[in-house]
Amino acid sequence: MKAWVLLASLWPALALAAPEGQRTVVVGTHVNQVYGIDIKNNQFTVDFYVWFRWEGDDFKPIESFEVAGGRIISKTGIERKKLGALDYTSARVVATINTFWDLRRFPLDSHTLEIELEDAEHDERTLVYQRDGDNIGISPDLQLPGFVVRSTNSEARTHVYHTNYGDTSMPSNNESRYSRYHFTIDIERPGFGRFWKVFFGLFISVLVSWCAFWVRPKESSPRVSLGVGATFAASAVTVTINNSLPDTNAVTLADKFIMLTLGFIVASVVVTILALTLHAQNQEALQQHVDRVCRWLFPVTYGVLLWLTVSTA
């Protein structure tokens, strides 16, 4: 019975025992600051500490690790020492990381900033990362202009490359496997401040176009000018919004608002042409009825469609 108890107590260690020749390296990060969340160029810059703990003098993980999908700008303050039987090393790293933002809900968007570390010299046969869950995190002073941090997460996992890079010592199934440390920061835009900054010009443009419903058809020049001016104003706002975003095939919330707004401005111009036509045909009663209906139908319909667009995005 004692033998079975002893075996049961050792089972977790036996289950986690590394294969022969494989080294476990404990890795952790502490993010100091995130600079320049660049939506236009699909990248961000992060300043963080990274550390490694392992056993064996033949490994130098601080020199061989790389930031997956990014570029290390600087690696400073490198420290090396012994922690009992373990080797320890740490450094402060500044890196620029490329990412593809999910902009389908822009400007009510939320994103995940990912820091992925991988050893460039050792595949999973010789090195496996294990996250230092007790010590990783972010600085309480971390601030992201335009965003707030909602949560963080970390894990160590295997990343598979579907090639052996011509290295015949690797398995011949046309793939190579590397251990990767993965740290994420979930961020989102707080409130509707950014929303109003982006769309305020559009809302003013469509409101100006609706003013035509209060202008008498015999004053044709001012009435037509309202629709034309609103179209140019909305187009200018559209250019400004598009210039702040990267090229994407996704239809964003901003795109939907632009199309909806331009559609209502064009519809108001069509109603103006109809009113001028009815006035020329001396159908004043019908013309006035059309204007009265549109004064309330357009704003109500526009508001409902905006709400549905936001709620379903």
C-alpha atoms as a PDB file:
ATOM      1  CA  MET A   1       0.000   0.000   0.000  1.00  0.00           C
ATOM      2  CA  LYS A   2       2.822   2.390   0.854  1.00  0.00           C
ATOM      3  CA  ALA A   3       4.338   1.736  -2.571  1.00  0.00           C
ATOM      4  CA  TRP A   4       1.096   2.712  -4.293  1.00  0.00           C
ATOM      5  CA  VAL A   5       0.858   5.906  -2.197  1.00  0.00           C
ATOM      6  CA  LEU A   6       4.435   6.799  -3.089  1.00  0.00           C
ATOM      7  CA  LEU A   7       3.795   6.136  -6.801  1.00  0.00           C
ATOM      8  CA  ALA A   8       0.650   8.295  -6.717  1.00  0.00           C
ATOM      9  CA  SER A   9       2.552  11.159  -5.103  1.00  0.00           C
ATOM     10  CA  LEU A  10       5.237  10.992  -7.768  1.00  0.00           C
ATOM     11  CA  TRP A  11       2.853  10.637 -10.713  1.00  0.00           C
ATOM     12  CA  PRO A  12       2.569  14.390 -11.556  1.00  0.00           C
ATOM     13  CA  ALA A  13       6.346  14.680 -11.702  1.00  0.00           C
ATOM     14  CA  LEU A  14       6.585  11.533 -13.814  1.00  0.00           C
ATOM     15  CA  ALA A  15       3.879  12.808 -16.177  1.00  0.00           C
ATOM     16  CA  LEU A  16       5.648  16.114 -16.644  1.00  0.00           C
ATOM     17  CA  ALA A  17       9.103  14.638 -16.995  1.00  0.00           C
ATOM     18  CA  ALA A  18      10.797  15.949 -20.099  1.00  0.00           C
ATOM     19  CA  PRO A  19      11.947  13.522 -22.796  1.00  0.00           C
ATOM     20  CA  GLU A  20      15.604  12.684 -22.846  1.00  0.00           C
ATOM     21  CA  GLY A  21      17.660  15.609 -24.185  1.00  0.00           C
ATOM     22  CA  GLN A  22      14.852  18.121 -23.691  1.00  0.00           C
ATOM     23  CA  ARG A  23      15.411  21.079 -21.354  1.00  0.00           C
ATOM     24  CA  THR A  24      12.674  23.011 -19.553  1.00  0.00           C
ATOM     25  CA  VAL A  25      13.230  26.771 -19.365  1.00  0.00           C
ATOM     26  CA  VAL A  26      10.984  28.862 -17.132  1.00  0.00           C
ATOM     27  CA  VAL A  27      10.221  32.218 -18.794  1.00  0.00           C
ATOM     28  CA  GLY A  28       8.340  35.284 -17.638  1.00  0.00           C
ATOM     29  CA  THR A  29       7.697  38.883 -18.674  1.00  0.00           C
ATOM     30  CA  HIS A  30       6.723  42.133 -17.006  1.00  0.00           C
ATOM     31  CA  VAL A  31       5.441  44.825 -19.358  1.00  0.00           C
ATOM     32  CA  ASN A  32       6.539  48.346 -18.436  1.00  0.00           C
ATOM     33  CA  GLN A  33       4.882  50.357 -21.188  1.00  0.00           C
ATOM     34  CA  VAL A  34       3.319  50.102 -24.622  1.00  0.00           C
ATOM     35  CA  TYR A  35       4.221  52.885 -27.034  1.00  0.00           C
ATOM     36  CA  GLY A  36       2.762  53.904 -30.341  1.00  0.00           C
ATOM     37  CA  ILE A  37      -0.226  51.683 -30.999  1.00  0.00           C
ATOM     38  CA  ASP A  38      -0.076  52.322 -34.742  1.00  0.00           C
ATOM     39  CA  ILE A  39      -3.401  51.321 -36.276  1.00  0.00           C
ATOM     40  CA  LYS A  40      -2.419  52.674 -39.699  1.00  0.00           C
ATOM     41  CA  ASN A  41       0.810  50.635 -39.980  1.00  0.00           C
ATOM     42  CA  ASN A  42      -0.351  47.503 -38.124  1.00  0.00           C
ATOM     43  CA  GLN A  43       2.208  47.557 -35.318  1.00  0.00           C
ATOM     44  CA  PHE A  44       2.940  48.559 -31.739  1.00  0.00           C
ATOM     45  CA  THR A  45       6.072  49.024 -29.638  1.00  0.00           C
ATOM     46  CA  VAL A  46       6.414  47.436 -26.209  1.00  0.00           C
ATOM     47  CA  ASP A  47       8.935  47.852 -23.385  1.00  0.00           C
ATOM     48  CA  PHE A  48       9.195  44.801 -21.112  1.00  0.00           C
ATOM     49  CA  TYR A  49      11.459  42.782 -18.838  1.00  0.00           C
ATOM     50  CA  VAL A  50      12.053  39.135 -19.679  1.00  0.00           C
ATOM     51  CA  TRP A  51      13.746  36.494 -17.557  1.00  0.00           C
ATOM     52  CA  PHE A  52      14.696  32.839 -17.823  1.00  0.00           C
ATOM     53  CA  ARG A  53      15.466  30.116 -15.269  1.00  0.00           C
ATOM     54  CA  TRP A  54      16.943  26.788 -16.250  1.00  0.00           C
ATOM     55  CA  GLU A  55      19.485  24.176 -15.285  1.00  0.00           C
ATOM     56  CA  GLY A  56      22.667  23.704 -17.290  1.00  0.00           C
ATOM     57  CA  ASP A  57      25.487  26.004 -18.341  1.00  0.00           C
ATOM     58  CA  ASP A  58      25.261  25.011 -22.008  1.00  0.00           C
ATOM     59  CA  PHE A  59      22.108  27.109 -22.634  1.00  0.00           C
ATOM     60  CA  LYS A  60      22.027  30.873 -23.223  1.00  0.00           C
ATOM     61  CA  PRO A  61      18.328  31.637 -23.712  1.00  0.00           C
ATOM     62  CA  ILE A  62      18.739  35.407 -23.269  1.00  0.00           C
ATOM     63  CA  GLU A  63      20.902  35.426 -26.403  1.00  0.00           C
ATOM     64  CA  SER A  64      18.939  33.003 -28.553  1.00  0.00           C
ATOM     65  CA  PHE A  65      15.340  34.090 -27.971  1.00  0.00           C
ATOM     66  CA  GLU A  66      13.498  36.210 -30.533  1.00  0.00           C
ATOM     67  CA  VAL A  67      10.191  38.052 -30.682  1.00  0.00           C
ATOM     68  CA  ALA A  68       7.950  36.218 -33.123  1.00  0.00           C
ATOM     69  CA  GLY A  69       6.423  38.532 -35.695  1.00  0.00           C
ATOM     70  CA  GLY A  70       8.476  41.465 -34.452  1.00  0.00           C
ATOM     71  CA  ARG A  71      11.877  43.089 -34.209  1.00  0.00           C
ATOM     72  CA  ILE A  72      13.956  43.691 -31.082  1.00  0.00           C
ATOM     73  CA  ILE A  73      15.057  47.328 -31.016  1.00  0.00           C
ATOM     74  CA  SER A  74      17.179  47.110 -27.875  1.00  0.00           C
ATOM     75  CA  LYS A  75      18.172  44.583 -25.211  1.00  0.00           C
ATOM     76  CA  THR A  76      19.737  46.236 -22.166  1.00  0.00           C
ATOM     77  CA  GLY A  77      20.490  45.582 -18.489  1.00  0.00           C
ATOM     78  CA  ILE A  78      21.356  41.938 -19.032  1.00  0.00           C
ATOM     79  CA  GLU A  79      21.863  40.185 -15.697  1.00  0.00           C
ATOM     80  CA  ARG A  80      23.130  36.677 -15.038  1.00  0.00           C
ATOM     81  CA  LYS A  81      23.407  34.823 -11.730  1.00  0.00           C
ATOM     82  CA  LYS A  82      22.868  31.525  -9.928  1.00  0.00           C
ATOM     83  CA  LEU A  83      19.715  30.770  -7.954  1.00  0.00           C
ATOM     84  CA  GLY A  84      20.814  27.660  -6.116  1.00  0.00           C
ATOM     85  CA  ALA A  85      21.152  24.948  -8.726  1.00  0.00           C
ATOM     86  CA  LEU A  86      19.420  27.044 -11.380  1.00  0.00           C
ATOM     87  CA  ASP A  87      20.826  29.576 -13.801  1.00  0.00           C
ATOM     88  CA  TYR A  88      19.007  32.898 -14.033  1.00  0.00           C
ATOM     89  CA  THR A  89      19.214  35.685 -16.598  1.00  0.00           C
ATOM     90  CA  SER A  90      17.094  38.729 -17.374  1.00  0.00           C
ATOM     91  CA  ALA A  91      17.070  41.786 -19.646  1.00  0.00           C
ATOM     92  CA  ARG A  92      15.006  44.827 -20.524  1.00  0.00           C
ATOM     93  CA  VAL A  93      13.725  44.617 -24.080  1.00  0.00           C
ATOM     94  CA  VAL A  94      12.117  47.152 -26.403  1.00  0.00           C
ATOM     95  CA  ALA A  95      10.519  45.563 -29.458  1.00  0.00           C
ATOM     96  CA  THR A  96       8.263  46.570 -32.317  1.00  0.00           C
ATOM     97  CA  ILE A  97       5.670  43.907 -33.077  1.00  0.00           C
ATOM     98  CA  ASN A  98       3.602  43.582 -36.225  1.00  0.00           C
ATOM     99  CA  THR A  99      -0.046  42.689 -35.897  1.00  0.00           C
ATOM    100  CA  PHE A 100      -3.246  42.793 -37.899  1.00  0.00           C
ATOM    101  CA  TRP A 101      -5.914  44.759 -36.080  1.00  0.00           C
ATOM    102  CA  ASP A 102      -9.536  43.630 -36.116  1.00  0.00           C
ATOM    103  CA  LEU A 103     -11.203  46.868 -37.215  1.00  0.00           C
ATOM    104  CA  ARG A 104     -14.698  45.593 -37.904  1.00  0.00           C
ATOM    105  CA  ARG A 105     -16.037  47.593 -34.929  1.00  0.00           C
ATOM    106  CA  PHE A 106     -13.850  50.695 -35.373  1.00  0.00           C
ATOM    107  CA  PRO A 107     -14.083  53.135 -33.580  1.00  0.00           C
ATOM    108  CA  LEU A 108     -15.657  50.923 -30.888  1.00  0.00           C
ATOM    109  CA  ASP A 109     -12.906  48.366 -31.411  1.00  0.00           C
ATOM    110  CA  SER A 110     -11.028  46.186 -28.942  1.00  0.00           C
ATOM    111  CA  HIS A 111      -7.724  44.419 -29.560  1.00  0.00           C
ATOM    112  CA  THR A 112      -5.287  41.887 -28.153  1.00  0.00           C
ATOM    113  CA  LEU A 113      -1.626  42.868 -27.939  1.00  0.00           C
ATOM    114  CA  GLU A 114       0.479  39.713 -28.272  1.00  0.00           C
ATOM    115  CA  ILE A 115       4.082  39.220 -27.173  1.00  0.00           C
ATOM    116  CA  GLU A 116       5.387  35.862 -28.415  1.00  0.00           C
ATOM    117  CA  LEU A 117       8.883  34.669 -27.530  1.00  0.00           C
ATOM    118  CA  GLU A 118      10.598  31.758 -29.210  1.00  0.00           C
ATOM    119  CA  ASP A 119      14.094  30.304 -29.109  1.00  0.00           C
ATOM    120  CA  ALA A 120      15.752  30.631 -32.505  1.00  0.00           C
ATOM    121  CA  GLU A 121      18.386  27.945 -31.913  1.00  0.00           C
ATOM    122  CA  HIS A 122      16.503  25.130 -30.184  1.00  0.00           C
ATOM    123  CA  ASP A 123      13.364  23.397 -31.356  1.00  0.00           C
ATOM    124  CA  GLU A 124      10.979  21.488 -29.092  1.00  0.00           C
ATOM    125  CA  ARG A 125      13.195  18.427 -29.071  1.00  0.00           C
ATOM    126  CA  THR A 126      15.791  20.259 -26.961  1.00  0.00           C
ATOM    127  CA  LEU A 127      13.929  23.167 -25.312  1.00  0.00           C
ATOM    128  CA  VAL A 128      10.459  23.663 -23.867  1.00  0.00           C
ATOM    129  CA  TYR A 129       9.261  26.913 -22.333  1.00  0.00           C
ATOM    130  CA  GLN A 130       7.288  26.929 -19.099  1.00  0.00           C
ATOM    131  CA  ARG A 131       5.632  30.173 -18.015  1.00  0.00           C
ATOM    132  CA  ASP A 132       6.494  31.730 -14.674  1.00  0.00           C
ATOM    133  CA  GLY A 133       2.882  32.214 -13.623  1.00  0.00           C
ATOM    134  CA  ASP A 134       3.644  33.714 -10.202  1.00  0.00           C
ATOM    135  CA  ASN A 135       5.721  36.679 -11.360  1.00  0.00           C
ATOM    136  CA  ILE A 136       4.500  37.841 -14.782  1.00  0.00           C
ATOM    137  CA  GLY A 137       2.261  40.856 -15.294  1.00  0.00           C
ATOM    138  CA  ILE A 138       2.110  44.513 -16.323  1.00  0.00           C
ATOM    139  CA  SER A 139       3.161  47.732 -14.626  1.00  0.00           C
ATOM    140  CA  PRO A 140       0.391  49.583 -12.752  1.00  0.00           C
ATOM    141  CA  ASP A 141       1.674  52.729 -14.497  1.00  0.00           C
ATOM    142  CA  LEU A 142       1.012  51.321 -17.965  1.00  0.00           C
ATOM    143  CA  GLN A 143      -1.158  53.731 -19.965  1.00  0.00           C
ATOM    144  CA  LEU A 144      -2.461  53.373 -23.497  1.00  0.00           C
ATOM    145  CA  PRO A 145      -3.736  56.597 -25.093  1.00  0.00           C
ATOM    146  CA  GLY A 146      -7.264  55.941 -26.314  1.00  0.00           C
ATOM    147  CA  PHE A 147      -7.492  52.491 -24.724  1.00  0.00           C
ATOM    148  CA  VAL A 148      -7.822  50.794 -21.346  1.00  0.00           C
ATOM    149  CA  VAL A 149      -6.447  47.411 -20.295  1.00  0.00           C
ATOM    150  CA  ARG A 150      -9.145  44.840 -19.555  1.00  0.00           C
ATOM    151  CA  SER A 151      -7.154  41.671 -18.890  1.00  0.00           C
ATOM    152  CA  THR A 152      -3.871  39.832 -19.394  1.00  0.00           C
ATOM    153  CA  ASN A 153      -3.053  36.202 -20.010  1.00  0.00           C
ATOM    154  CA  SER A 154      -0.036  34.001 -20.612  1.00  0.00           C
ATOM    155  CA  GLU A 155       0.717  30.469 -21.695  1.00  0.00           C
ATOM    156  CA  ALA A 156       3.425  28.285 -23.174  1.00  0.00           C
ATOM    157  CA  ARG A 157       2.472  26.332 -26.244  1.00  0.00           C
ATOM    158  CA  THR A 158       3.863  24.623 -29.315  1.00  0.00           C
ATOM    159  CA  HIS A 159       4.121  26.462 -32.609  1.00  0.00           C
ATOM    160  CA  VAL A 160       4.334  24.330 -35.739  1.00  0.00           C
ATOM    161  CA  TYR A 161       6.155  25.442 -38.883  1.00  0.00           C
ATOM    162  CA  HIS A 162       5.217  23.404 -41.926  1.00  0.00           C
ATOM    163  CA  THR A 163       8.808  23.032 -43.082  1.00  0.00           C
ATOM    164  CA  ASN A 164      12.036  21.651 -41.677  1.00  0.00           C
ATOM    165  CA  TYR A 165      14.018  24.443 -43.370  1.00  0.00           C
ATOM    166  CA  GLY A 166      16.079  21.837 -45.196  1.00  0.00           C
ATOM    167  CA  ASP A 167      17.521  20.474 -41.940  1.00  0.00           C
ATOM    168  CA  THR A 168      17.576  16.716 -42.538  1.00  0.00           C
ATOM    169  CA  SER A 169      18.220  16.069 -38.842  1.00  0.00           C
ATOM    170  CA  MET A 170      14.639  17.147 -38.165  1.00  0.00           C
ATOM    171  CA  PRO A 171      11.668  14.803 -38.636  1.00  0.00           C
ATOM    172  CA  SER A 172      10.896  14.162 -42.293  1.00  0.00           C
ATOM    173  CA  ASN A 173       7.180  15.018 -42.076  1.00  0.00           C
ATOM    174  CA  ASN A 174       7.879  18.489 -43.472  1.00  0.00           C
ATOM    175  CA  GLU A 175       7.359  20.359 -40.220  1.00  0.00           C
ATOM    176  CA  SER A 176       9.304  21.651 -37.246  1.00  0.00           C
ATOM    177  CA  ARG A 177       7.974  22.392 -33.774  1.00  0.00           C
ATOM    178  CA  TYR A 178       9.140  25.147 -31.447  1.00  0.00           C
ATOM    179  CA  SER A 179       8.077  25.992 -27.935  1.00  0.00           C
ATOM    180  CA  ARG A 180       6.640  29.509 -27.690  1.00  0.00           C
ATOM    181  CA  TYR A 181       5.859  31.731 -24.718  1.00  0.00           C
ATOM    182  CA  HIS A 182       2.709  33.762 -25.321  1.00  0.00           C
ATOM    183  CA  PHE A 183       1.710  36.872 -23.316  1.00  0.00           C
ATOM    184  CA  THR A 184      -1.404  38.856 -24.227  1.00  0.00           C
ATOM    185  CA  ILE A 185      -2.925  42.178 -23.143  1.00  0.00           C
ATOM    186  CA  ASP A 186      -6.599  42.728 -23.973  1.00  0.00           C
ATOM    187  CA  ILE A 187      -7.439  46.399 -24.569  1.00  0.00           C
ATOM    188  CA  GLU A 188     -10.537  48.314 -25.620  1.00  0.00           C
ATOM    189  CA  ARG A 189     -11.707  51.879 -26.161  1.00  0.00           C
ATOM    190  CA  PRO A 190     -13.603  53.226 -23.139  1.00  0.00           C
ATOM    191  CA  GLY A 191     -16.961  54.922 -23.619  1.00  0.00           C
ATOM    192  CA  PHE A 192     -18.078  56.721 -26.781  1.00  0.00           C
ATOM    193  CA  GLY A 193     -15.571  59.586 -26.846  1.00  0.00           C
ATOM    194  CA  ARG A 194     -13.699  58.278 -29.888  1.00  0.00           C
ATOM    195  CA  PHE A 195     -17.030  57.422 -31.532  1.00  0.00           C
ATOM    196  CA  TRP A 196     -18.229  61.023 -31.426  1.00  0.00           C
ATOM    197  CA  LYS A 197     -14.878  62.416 -32.565  1.00  0.00           C
ATOM    198  CA  VAL A 198     -14.892  60.205 -35.650  1.00  0.00           C
ATOM    199  CA  PHE A 199     -18.534  60.567 -36.660  1.00  0.00           C
ATOM    200  CA  PHE A 200     -19.462  64.078 -35.517  1.00  0.00           C
ATOM    201  CA  GLY A 201     -18.687  65.538 -38.965  1.00  0.00           C
ATOM    202  CA  LEU A 202     -20.855  62.894 -40.651  1.00  0.00           C
ATOM    203  CA  PHE A 203     -23.788  63.591 -38.341  1.00  0.00           C
ATOM    204  CA  ILE A 204     -23.564  67.334 -38.979  1.00  0.00           C
ATOM    205  CA  SER A 205     -23.448  66.724 -42.733  1.00  0.00           C
ATOM    206  CA  VAL A 206     -26.606  64.639 -42.805  1.00  0.00           C
ATOM    207  CA  LEU A 207     -28.408  67.118 -40.532  1.00  0.00           C
ATOM    208  CA  VAL A 208     -27.517  69.939 -42.937  1.00  0.00           C
ATOM    209  CA  SER A 209     -28.966  67.954 -45.845  1.00  0.00           C
ATOM    210  CA  TRP A 210     -32.268  67.552 -43.962  1.00  0.00           C
ATOM    211  CA  CYS A 211     -32.570  71.345 -43.552  1.00  0.00           C
ATOM    212  CA  ALA A 212     -33.651  71.331 -47.201  1.00  0.00           C
ATOM    213  CA  PHE A 213     -37.058  69.996 -46.098  1.00  0.00           C
ATOM    214  CA  TRP A 214     -37.741  73.371 -44.427  1.00  0.00           C
ATOM    215  CA  VAL A 215     -36.751  75.441 -47.488  1.00  0.00           C
ATOM    216  CA  ARG A 216     -39.514  76.367 -49.924  1.00  0.00           C
ATOM    217  CA  PRO A 217     -39.080  74.886 -53.434  1.00  0.00           C
ATOM    218  CA  LYS A 218     -39.274  78.314 -55.069  1.00  0.00           C
ATOM    219  CA  GLU A 219     -35.914  79.011 -53.393  1.00  0.00           C
ATOM    220  CA  SER A 220     -34.352  76.266 -55.449  1.00  0.00           C
ATOM    221  CA  SER A 221     -30.742  77.419 -55.301  1.00  0.00           C
ATOM    222  CA  PRO A 222     -30.375  77.353 -51.478  1.00  0.00           C
ATOM    223  CA  ARG A 223     -32.282  74.077 -51.254  1.00  0.00           C
ATOM    224  CA  VAL A 224     -30.076  72.284 -53.790  1.00  0.00           C
ATOM    225  CA  SER A 225     -26.932  73.801 -52.272  1.00  0.00           C
ATOM    226  CA  LEU A 226     -27.688  72.215 -48.891  1.00  0.00           C
ATOM    227  CA  GLY A 227     -27.608  68.713 -50.369  1.00  0.00           C
ATOM    228  CA  VAL A 228     -24.524  69.354 -52.474  1.00  0.00           C
ATOM    229  CA  GLY A 229     -22.643  70.956 -49.565  1.00  0.00           C
ATOM    230  CA  ALA A 230     -23.556  68.073 -47.257  1.00  0.00           C
ATOM    231  CA  THR A 231     -22.242  65.596 -49.839  1.00  0.00           C
ATOM    232  CA  PHE A 232     -18.862  67.330 -50.058  1.00  0.00           C
ATOM    233  CA  ALA A 233     -18.611  67.608 -46.267  1.00  0.00           C
ATOM    234  CA  ALA A 234     -19.387  63.915 -45.767  1.00  0.00           C
ATOM    235  CA  SER A 235     -16.857  63.002 -48.463  1.00  0.00           C
ATOM    236  CA  ALA A 236     -14.166  65.018 -46.669  1.00  0.00           C
ATOM    237  CA  VAL A 237     -14.911  63.195 -43.392  1.00  0.00           C
ATOM    238  CA  THR A 238     -14.775  59.888 -45.278  1.00  0.00           C
ATOM    239  CA  VAL A 239     -11.303  60.655 -46.608  1.00  0.00           C
ATOM    240  CA  THR A 240     -10.100  61.599 -43.121  1.00  0.00           C
ATOM    241  CA  ILE A 241     -11.406  58.342 -41.604  1.00  0.00           C
ATOM    242  CA  ASN A 242      -9.959  56.173 -44.380  1.00  0.00           C
ATOM    243  CA  ASN A 243      -6.554  57.862 -44.094  1.00  0.00           C
ATOM    244  CA  SER A 244      -6.363  56.878 -40.418  1.00  0.00           C
ATOM    245  CA  LEU A 245      -6.935  53.168 -41.144  1.00  0.00           C
ATOM    246  CA  PRO A 246      -4.838  50.512 -42.905  1.00  0.00           C
ATOM    247  CA  ASP A 247      -5.964  48.868 -46.106  1.00  0.00           C
ATOM    248  CA  THR A 248      -8.473  46.161 -45.259  1.00  0.00           C
ATOM    249  CA  ASN A 249     -11.097  44.152 -47.093  1.00  0.00           C
ATOM    250  CA  ALA A 250     -13.290  44.040 -44.003  1.00  0.00           C
ATOM    251  CA  VAL A 251     -16.318  46.334 -43.870  1.00  0.00           C
ATOM    252  CA  THR A 252     -15.829  48.296 -40.665  1.00  0.00           C
ATOM    253  CA  LEU A 253     -18.433  49.991 -38.508  1.00  0.00           C
ATOM    254  CA  ALA A 254     -17.092  53.295 -39.839  1.00  0.00           C
ATOM    255  CA  ASP A 255     -17.645  52.110 -43.422  1.00  0.00           C
ATOM    256  CA  LYS A 256     -21.252  51.215 -42.627  1.00  0.00           C
ATOM    257  CA  PHE A 257     -21.863  54.623 -41.057  1.00  0.00           C
ATOM    258  CA  ILE A 258     -20.321  56.376 -44.062  1.00  0.00           C
ATOM    259  CA  MET A 259     -22.433  54.426 -46.559  1.00  0.00           C
ATOM    260  CA  LEU A 260     -25.568  54.956 -44.486  1.00  0.00           C
ATOM    261  CA  THR A 261     -24.947  58.695 -44.134  1.00  0.00           C
ATOM    262  CA  LEU A 262     -24.136  59.244 -47.806  1.00  0.00           C
ATOM    263  CA  GLY A 263     -27.206  57.224 -48.723  1.00  0.00           C
ATOM    264  CA  PHE A 264     -29.467  59.499 -46.656  1.00  0.00           C
ATOM    265  CA  ILE A 265     -27.834  62.627 -48.096  1.00  0.00           C
ATOM    266  CA  VAL A 266     -28.444  61.344 -51.627  1.00  0.00           C
ATOM    267  CA  ALA A 267     -32.026  60.492 -50.646  1.00  0.00           C
ATOM    268  CA  SER A 268     -32.533  64.060 -49.394  1.00  0.00           C
ATOM    269  CA  VAL A 269     -31.286  65.396 -52.753  1.00  0.00           C
ATOM    270  CA  VAL A 270     -33.749  63.099 -54.537  1.00  0.00           C
ATOM    271  CA  VAL A 271     -36.583  64.452 -52.368  1.00  0.00           C
ATOM    272  CA  THR A 272     -35.427  67.988 -53.216  1.00  0.00           C
ATOM    273  CA  ILE A 273     -35.625  67.215 -56.928  1.00  0.00           C
ATOM    274  CA  LEU A 274     -39.100  65.715 -56.384  1.00  0.00           C
ATOM    275  CA  ALA A 275     -40.221  68.819 -54.473  1.00  0.00           C
ATOM    276  CA  LEU A 276     -38.954  71.107 -57.227  1.00  0.00           C
ATOM    277  CA  THR A 277     -40.775  69.010 -59.807  1.00  0.00           C
ATOM    278  CA  LEU A 278     -44.070  69.107 -57.869  1.00  0.00           C
ATOM    279  CA  HIS A 279     -43.684  72.858 -57.393  1.00  0.00           C
ATOM    280  CA  ALA A 280     -43.168  73.341 -61.134  1.00  0.00           C
ATOM    281  CA  GLN A 281     -46.368  71.329 -61.736  1.00  0.00           C
ATOM    282  CA  ASN A 282     -48.294  73.526 -59.257  1.00  0.00           C
ATOM    283  CA  GLN A 283     -48.911  70.561 -56.904  1.00  0.00           C
ATOM    284  CA  GLU A 284     -48.156  72.594 -53.793  1.00  0.00           C
ATOM    285  CA  ALA A 285     -50.268  70.511 -51.417  1.00  0.00           C
ATOM    286  CA  LEU A 286     -48.514  67.262 -52.354  1.00  0.00           C
ATOM    287  CA  GLN A 287     -45.105  68.921 -52.235  1.00  0.00           C
ATOM    288  CA  GLN A 288     -45.720  70.268 -48.735  1.00  0.00           C
ATOM    289  CA  HIS A 289     -46.980  66.879 -47.567  1.00  0.00           C
ATOM    290  CA  VAL A 290     -43.820  65.189 -48.851  1.00  0.00           C
ATOM    291  CA  ASP A 291     -41.618  67.706 -47.018  1.00  0.00           C
ATOM    292  CA  ARG A 292     -43.560  67.321 -43.761  1.00  0.00           C
ATOM    293  CA  VAL A 293     -43.252  63.538 -43.857  1.00  0.00           C
ATOM    294  CA  CYS A 294     -39.535  63.617 -44.672  1.00  0.00           C
ATOM    295  CA  ARG A 295     -38.761  66.074 -41.846  1.00  0.00           C
ATOM    296  CA  TRP A 296     -39.516  63.318 -39.342  1.00  0.00           C
ATOM    297  CA  LEU A 297     -39.182  60.129 -41.391  1.00  0.00           C
ATOM    298  CA  PHE A 298     -35.528  60.718 -42.294  1.00  0.00           C
ATOM    299  CA  PRO A 299     -34.180  61.422 -38.757  1.00  0.00           C
ATOM    300  CA  VAL A 300     -36.160  58.604 -37.141  1.00  0.00           C
ATOM    301  CA  THR A 301     -35.187  56.042 -39.791  1.00  0.00           C
ATOM    302  CA  TYR A 302     -31.551  57.170 -39.724  1.00  0.00           C
ATOM    303  CA  GLY A 303     -31.396  56.878 -35.935  1.00  0.00           C
ATOM    304  CA  VAL A 304     -32.939  53.405 -35.929  1.00  0.00           C
ATOM    305  CA  LEU A 305     -30.546  52.168 -38.619  1.00  0.00           C
ATOM    306  CA  LEU A 306     -27.551  53.593 -36.723  1.00  0.00           C
ATOM    307  CA  TRP A 307     -28.645  51.791 -33.582  1.00  0.00           C
ATOM    308  CA  LEU A 308     -29.120  48.506 -35.453  1.00  0.00           C
ATOM    309  CA  THR A 309     -25.713  48.898 -37.106  1.00  0.00           C
ATOM    310  CA  VAL A 310     -23.944  49.381 -33.765  1.00  0.00           C
ATOM    311  CA  SER A 311     -25.850  46.628 -31.960  1.00  0.00           C
ATOM    312  CA  THR A 312     -25.172  44.030 -34.655  1.00  0.00           C
ATOM    313  CA  ALA A 313     -21.520  44.942 -35.334  1.00  0.00           C
END
